[in-house]
N, C-alpha and C. Protein backbone atom coordinates (compact mmCIF):
# COMPACT_ATOMS: atom_id res chain seq x y z
N MET A 1 -8.07 -23.48 9.19
CA MET A 1 -7.45 -22.62 8.19
C MET A 1 -5.98 -22.43 8.54
N GLU A 2 -5.23 -22.29 7.53
CA GLU A 2 -3.81 -22.11 7.69
C GLU A 2 -3.42 -20.72 7.19
N TYR A 3 -2.54 -20.06 7.92
CA TYR A 3 -2.06 -18.75 7.52
C TYR A 3 -1.17 -18.93 6.31
N ASP A 4 -1.51 -18.25 5.19
CA ASP A 4 -0.79 -18.49 3.95
C ASP A 4 0.11 -17.33 3.55
N ALA A 5 -0.42 -16.13 3.47
CA ALA A 5 0.39 -15.01 2.99
C ALA A 5 -0.03 -13.72 3.67
N PHE A 6 0.90 -12.79 3.73
CA PHE A 6 0.66 -11.49 4.32
C PHE A 6 1.50 -10.49 3.53
N TYR A 7 0.84 -9.59 2.78
CA TYR A 7 1.58 -8.65 1.96
C TYR A 7 0.79 -7.37 1.77
N LYS A 8 1.45 -6.35 1.22
CA LYS A 8 0.79 -5.09 0.91
C LYS A 8 0.56 -5.02 -0.59
N ASN A 9 -0.62 -4.55 -0.97
CA ASN A 9 -0.90 -4.42 -2.39
C ASN A 9 -0.34 -3.11 -2.91
N LYS A 10 -0.60 -2.76 -4.16
CA LYS A 10 0.01 -1.58 -4.76
C LYS A 10 -0.51 -0.27 -4.17
N TYR A 11 -1.64 -0.31 -3.45
CA TYR A 11 -2.19 0.88 -2.83
C TYR A 11 -1.75 1.04 -1.39
N GLY A 12 -0.97 0.11 -0.85
CA GLY A 12 -0.47 0.19 0.51
C GLY A 12 -1.34 -0.49 1.54
N ARG A 13 -2.47 -1.07 1.11
CA ARG A 13 -3.33 -1.77 2.05
C ARG A 13 -2.77 -3.15 2.36
N THR A 14 -2.92 -3.56 3.58
CA THR A 14 -2.45 -4.88 3.99
C THR A 14 -3.49 -5.92 3.63
N GLU A 15 -3.05 -7.00 3.01
CA GLU A 15 -3.94 -8.09 2.65
C GLU A 15 -3.43 -9.38 3.26
N GLU A 16 -4.36 -10.21 3.71
CA GLU A 16 -4.03 -11.50 4.27
C GLU A 16 -4.75 -12.57 3.48
N LEU A 17 -4.04 -13.65 3.17
CA LEU A 17 -4.64 -14.78 2.47
C LEU A 17 -4.59 -16.00 3.37
N TYR A 18 -5.73 -16.65 3.51
CA TYR A 18 -5.82 -17.88 4.27
C TYR A 18 -6.29 -18.98 3.33
N GLU A 19 -5.66 -20.16 3.45
CA GLU A 19 -6.04 -21.29 2.62
C GLU A 19 -6.21 -22.52 3.50
N CYS A 20 -7.27 -23.25 3.25
CA CYS A 20 -7.54 -24.47 3.99
C CYS A 20 -6.47 -25.51 3.65
N GLU A 21 -6.09 -26.32 4.62
CA GLU A 21 -5.04 -27.31 4.38
C GLU A 21 -5.48 -28.36 3.36
N SER A 22 -6.69 -28.86 3.51
CA SER A 22 -7.20 -29.87 2.58
C SER A 22 -8.72 -29.90 2.65
N CYS A 23 -9.35 -29.84 1.47
CA CYS A 23 -10.81 -29.91 1.39
C CYS A 23 -11.30 -31.32 1.08
N GLU A 24 -10.39 -32.25 0.94
CA GLU A 24 -10.79 -33.62 0.61
C GLU A 24 -11.53 -34.24 1.79
N GLY A 25 -12.67 -34.85 1.50
CA GLY A 25 -13.46 -35.50 2.53
C GLY A 25 -14.35 -34.55 3.31
N CYS A 26 -14.39 -33.28 2.95
CA CYS A 26 -15.23 -32.32 3.67
C CYS A 26 -16.67 -32.46 3.19
N GLN A 27 -17.60 -32.47 4.13
CA GLN A 27 -19.01 -32.63 3.79
C GLN A 27 -19.58 -31.37 3.16
N LEU A 28 -18.98 -30.23 3.42
CA LEU A 28 -19.50 -28.96 2.94
C LEU A 28 -18.77 -28.42 1.71
N LYS A 29 -17.93 -29.24 1.08
CA LYS A 29 -17.14 -28.77 -0.06
C LYS A 29 -18.01 -28.28 -1.20
N ASN A 30 -19.10 -28.98 -1.51
CA ASN A 30 -19.97 -28.56 -2.62
C ASN A 30 -20.66 -27.23 -2.33
N ASP A 31 -21.00 -26.98 -1.07
CA ASP A 31 -21.63 -25.71 -0.71
C ASP A 31 -20.61 -24.58 -0.57
N CYS A 32 -19.43 -24.91 -0.10
CA CYS A 32 -18.40 -23.93 0.19
C CYS A 32 -17.73 -23.42 -1.10
N CYS A 33 -17.29 -24.33 -1.92
CA CYS A 33 -16.60 -23.95 -3.16
C CYS A 33 -16.95 -24.96 -4.27
N PRO A 34 -18.15 -24.79 -4.86
CA PRO A 34 -18.62 -25.77 -5.84
C PRO A 34 -17.83 -25.76 -7.15
N LYS A 35 -17.31 -24.62 -7.58
CA LYS A 35 -16.62 -24.52 -8.87
C LYS A 35 -15.11 -24.68 -8.75
N ALA A 36 -14.58 -24.55 -7.55
CA ALA A 36 -13.13 -24.56 -7.37
C ALA A 36 -12.56 -25.97 -7.36
N SER A 37 -11.43 -26.11 -8.00
CA SER A 37 -10.73 -27.39 -7.97
C SER A 37 -9.66 -27.40 -6.88
N LYS A 38 -9.31 -26.23 -6.37
CA LYS A 38 -8.31 -26.11 -5.32
C LYS A 38 -8.98 -26.01 -3.97
N ASN A 39 -8.16 -25.82 -2.93
CA ASN A 39 -8.68 -25.62 -1.58
C ASN A 39 -9.31 -24.24 -1.45
N ARG A 40 -10.14 -24.07 -0.45
CA ARG A 40 -10.83 -22.81 -0.19
C ARG A 40 -9.82 -21.77 0.24
N THR A 41 -9.85 -20.57 -0.38
CA THR A 41 -8.97 -19.46 -0.05
C THR A 41 -9.81 -18.26 0.31
N ILE A 42 -9.43 -17.58 1.39
CA ILE A 42 -10.13 -16.38 1.83
C ILE A 42 -9.13 -15.24 1.85
N GLN A 43 -9.53 -14.09 1.28
CA GLN A 43 -8.69 -12.91 1.25
C GLN A 43 -9.31 -11.86 2.16
N MET A 44 -8.51 -11.31 3.06
CA MET A 44 -9.00 -10.29 3.98
C MET A 44 -8.20 -9.01 3.78
N ASN A 45 -8.90 -7.89 3.54
CA ASN A 45 -8.25 -6.58 3.39
C ASN A 45 -8.46 -5.77 4.65
N ARG A 46 -7.44 -5.07 5.04
CA ARG A 46 -7.55 -4.15 6.17
C ARG A 46 -8.19 -2.87 5.66
N SER A 47 -9.32 -2.51 6.22
CA SER A 47 -10.06 -1.35 5.75
C SER A 47 -9.36 -0.06 6.16
N ILE A 48 -9.35 0.91 5.25
CA ILE A 48 -8.72 2.19 5.54
C ILE A 48 -9.74 3.32 5.58
N GLN A 49 -11.01 3.01 5.55
CA GLN A 49 -12.04 4.04 5.47
C GLN A 49 -12.08 4.91 6.72
N ALA A 50 -11.99 4.32 7.88
CA ALA A 50 -12.09 5.10 9.12
C ALA A 50 -10.83 5.92 9.37
N GLU A 51 -9.74 5.56 8.76
CA GLU A 51 -8.49 6.25 9.03
C GLU A 51 -8.48 7.67 8.49
N GLY A 52 -9.32 7.99 7.53
CA GLY A 52 -9.35 9.34 6.98
C GLY A 52 -9.73 10.37 8.03
N ALA A 53 -10.83 10.12 8.74
CA ALA A 53 -11.28 11.06 9.77
C ALA A 53 -10.27 11.14 10.92
N PHE A 54 -9.74 10.00 11.35
CA PHE A 54 -8.75 10.02 12.42
C PHE A 54 -7.46 10.71 11.98
N GLY A 55 -7.10 10.52 10.73
CA GLY A 55 -5.92 11.19 10.20
C GLY A 55 -6.07 12.69 10.20
N ILE A 56 -7.26 13.17 9.83
CA ILE A 56 -7.51 14.61 9.84
C ILE A 56 -7.45 15.14 11.26
N LEU A 57 -8.07 14.42 12.19
CA LEU A 57 -8.05 14.86 13.59
C LEU A 57 -6.63 14.88 14.15
N LYS A 58 -5.86 13.86 13.84
CA LYS A 58 -4.52 13.77 14.41
C LYS A 58 -3.55 14.74 13.75
N TRP A 59 -3.56 14.82 12.42
CA TRP A 59 -2.56 15.60 11.72
C TRP A 59 -2.98 17.06 11.55
N ASP A 60 -4.15 17.28 10.94
CA ASP A 60 -4.58 18.65 10.64
C ASP A 60 -5.01 19.41 11.88
N LYS A 61 -5.68 18.74 12.80
CA LYS A 61 -6.20 19.41 14.00
C LYS A 61 -5.28 19.25 15.21
N SER A 62 -4.18 18.56 15.05
CA SER A 62 -3.18 18.36 16.11
C SER A 62 -3.78 17.75 17.38
N TYR A 63 -4.72 16.85 17.22
CA TYR A 63 -5.33 16.17 18.37
C TYR A 63 -4.59 14.86 18.57
N LYS A 64 -3.84 14.75 19.64
CA LYS A 64 -2.95 13.60 19.82
C LYS A 64 -3.45 12.56 20.81
N ARG A 65 -4.20 12.97 21.84
CA ARG A 65 -4.57 12.00 22.87
C ARG A 65 -5.86 12.42 23.58
N LEU A 66 -6.46 11.44 24.27
CA LEU A 66 -7.63 11.73 25.09
C LEU A 66 -7.16 12.29 26.43
N PHE A 67 -7.91 13.24 26.96
CA PHE A 67 -7.52 13.89 28.20
C PHE A 67 -8.36 13.45 29.39
N ARG A 68 -9.41 12.70 29.15
CA ARG A 68 -10.29 12.26 30.22
C ARG A 68 -10.04 10.80 30.55
N ARG A 69 -10.40 10.44 31.77
CA ARG A 69 -10.26 9.05 32.21
C ARG A 69 -11.63 8.49 32.53
N GLY A 70 -11.76 7.19 32.37
CA GLY A 70 -13.03 6.53 32.65
C GLY A 70 -13.84 6.36 31.37
N GLU A 71 -14.59 5.29 31.32
CA GLU A 71 -15.31 4.96 30.09
C GLU A 71 -16.32 6.04 29.70
N LYS A 72 -17.12 6.52 30.65
CA LYS A 72 -18.14 7.53 30.33
C LYS A 72 -17.49 8.83 29.87
N ASN A 73 -16.41 9.23 30.52
CA ASN A 73 -15.74 10.47 30.15
C ASN A 73 -15.07 10.37 28.78
N VAL A 74 -14.51 9.21 28.45
CA VAL A 74 -13.89 9.02 27.15
C VAL A 74 -14.96 9.06 26.06
N ILE A 75 -16.10 8.42 26.32
CA ILE A 75 -17.20 8.46 25.35
C ILE A 75 -17.67 9.90 25.16
N LEU A 76 -17.77 10.66 26.25
CA LEU A 76 -18.16 12.05 26.16
C LEU A 76 -17.18 12.85 25.32
N GLU A 77 -15.89 12.67 25.56
CA GLU A 77 -14.88 13.40 24.82
C GLU A 77 -14.91 13.05 23.33
N LEU A 78 -15.03 11.78 23.02
CA LEU A 78 -15.09 11.37 21.62
C LEU A 78 -16.36 11.90 20.94
N THR A 79 -17.46 11.95 21.68
CA THR A 79 -18.70 12.50 21.13
C THR A 79 -18.54 13.98 20.82
N LEU A 80 -17.93 14.73 21.73
CA LEU A 80 -17.70 16.15 21.50
C LEU A 80 -16.75 16.39 20.32
N ILE A 81 -15.72 15.57 20.21
CA ILE A 81 -14.79 15.69 19.09
C ILE A 81 -15.50 15.38 17.78
N SER A 82 -16.35 14.35 17.78
CA SER A 82 -17.10 13.99 16.58
C SER A 82 -18.06 15.09 16.17
N CYS A 83 -18.75 15.68 17.14
CA CYS A 83 -19.67 16.79 16.84
C CYS A 83 -18.91 17.97 16.25
N GLY A 84 -17.78 18.29 16.84
CA GLY A 84 -16.97 19.39 16.31
C GLY A 84 -16.47 19.11 14.91
N PHE A 85 -16.06 17.89 14.66
CA PHE A 85 -15.56 17.51 13.33
C PHE A 85 -16.69 17.59 12.31
N ASN A 86 -17.89 17.12 12.68
CA ASN A 86 -19.02 17.18 11.76
C ASN A 86 -19.44 18.63 11.48
N LEU A 87 -19.40 19.49 12.50
CA LEU A 87 -19.69 20.91 12.29
C LEU A 87 -18.65 21.55 11.36
N TYR A 88 -17.40 21.18 11.53
CA TYR A 88 -16.32 21.67 10.66
C TYR A 88 -16.58 21.27 9.21
N LYS A 89 -16.94 20.01 8.99
CA LYS A 89 -17.23 19.54 7.64
C LYS A 89 -18.46 20.25 7.06
N TYR A 90 -19.50 20.44 7.88
CA TYR A 90 -20.72 21.11 7.44
C TYR A 90 -20.42 22.56 7.05
N HIS A 91 -19.64 23.24 7.87
CA HIS A 91 -19.28 24.63 7.59
C HIS A 91 -18.51 24.73 6.27
N ASN A 92 -17.54 23.85 6.07
CA ASN A 92 -16.76 23.87 4.83
C ASN A 92 -17.64 23.60 3.62
N LYS A 93 -18.60 22.69 3.76
CA LYS A 93 -19.50 22.39 2.64
C LYS A 93 -20.36 23.61 2.32
N LYS A 94 -20.88 24.30 3.34
CA LYS A 94 -21.68 25.50 3.13
C LYS A 94 -20.85 26.60 2.46
N GLN A 95 -19.59 26.74 2.87
CA GLN A 95 -18.72 27.76 2.28
C GLN A 95 -18.44 27.46 0.81
N ARG A 96 -18.29 26.21 0.44
CA ARG A 96 -18.05 25.83 -0.96
C ARG A 96 -19.26 26.08 -1.83
N ASN A 97 -20.46 25.93 -1.26
CA ASN A 97 -21.69 26.08 -2.03
C ASN A 97 -22.11 27.53 -2.20
N LYS A 98 -21.51 28.46 -1.47
CA LYS A 98 -21.85 29.87 -1.61
C LYS A 98 -21.34 30.38 -2.95
N SER A 99 -22.16 31.19 -3.58
CA SER A 99 -21.74 31.76 -4.86
C SER A 99 -20.79 32.94 -4.59
N PRO A 100 -19.84 33.16 -5.47
CA PRO A 100 -18.89 34.27 -5.26
C PRO A 100 -19.61 35.61 -5.33
N ALA A 101 -19.21 36.53 -4.50
CA ALA A 101 -19.87 37.84 -4.43
C ALA A 101 -19.36 38.78 -5.48
């Protein structure tokens, strides 16, 4: 595969396009791209789904760095942060569902 293009779409996500140099003589062309008359092109989007939670932790909760060293301690710290974040979300959901007094 050859690196073809690298750009941002209108939503700000990074997209990468890869295109094969030549599909002529390829044994798998019929299985790979049976309807296409051009070379095989693959589009890859950088996912932004996980960034929402990290953005909230970094910006809203002012959590900037890990304070523990070592693999087990880092896993412990991230687990505690995740539990706290989930409790925060659960609490907010319960508060929204309460009827006004």
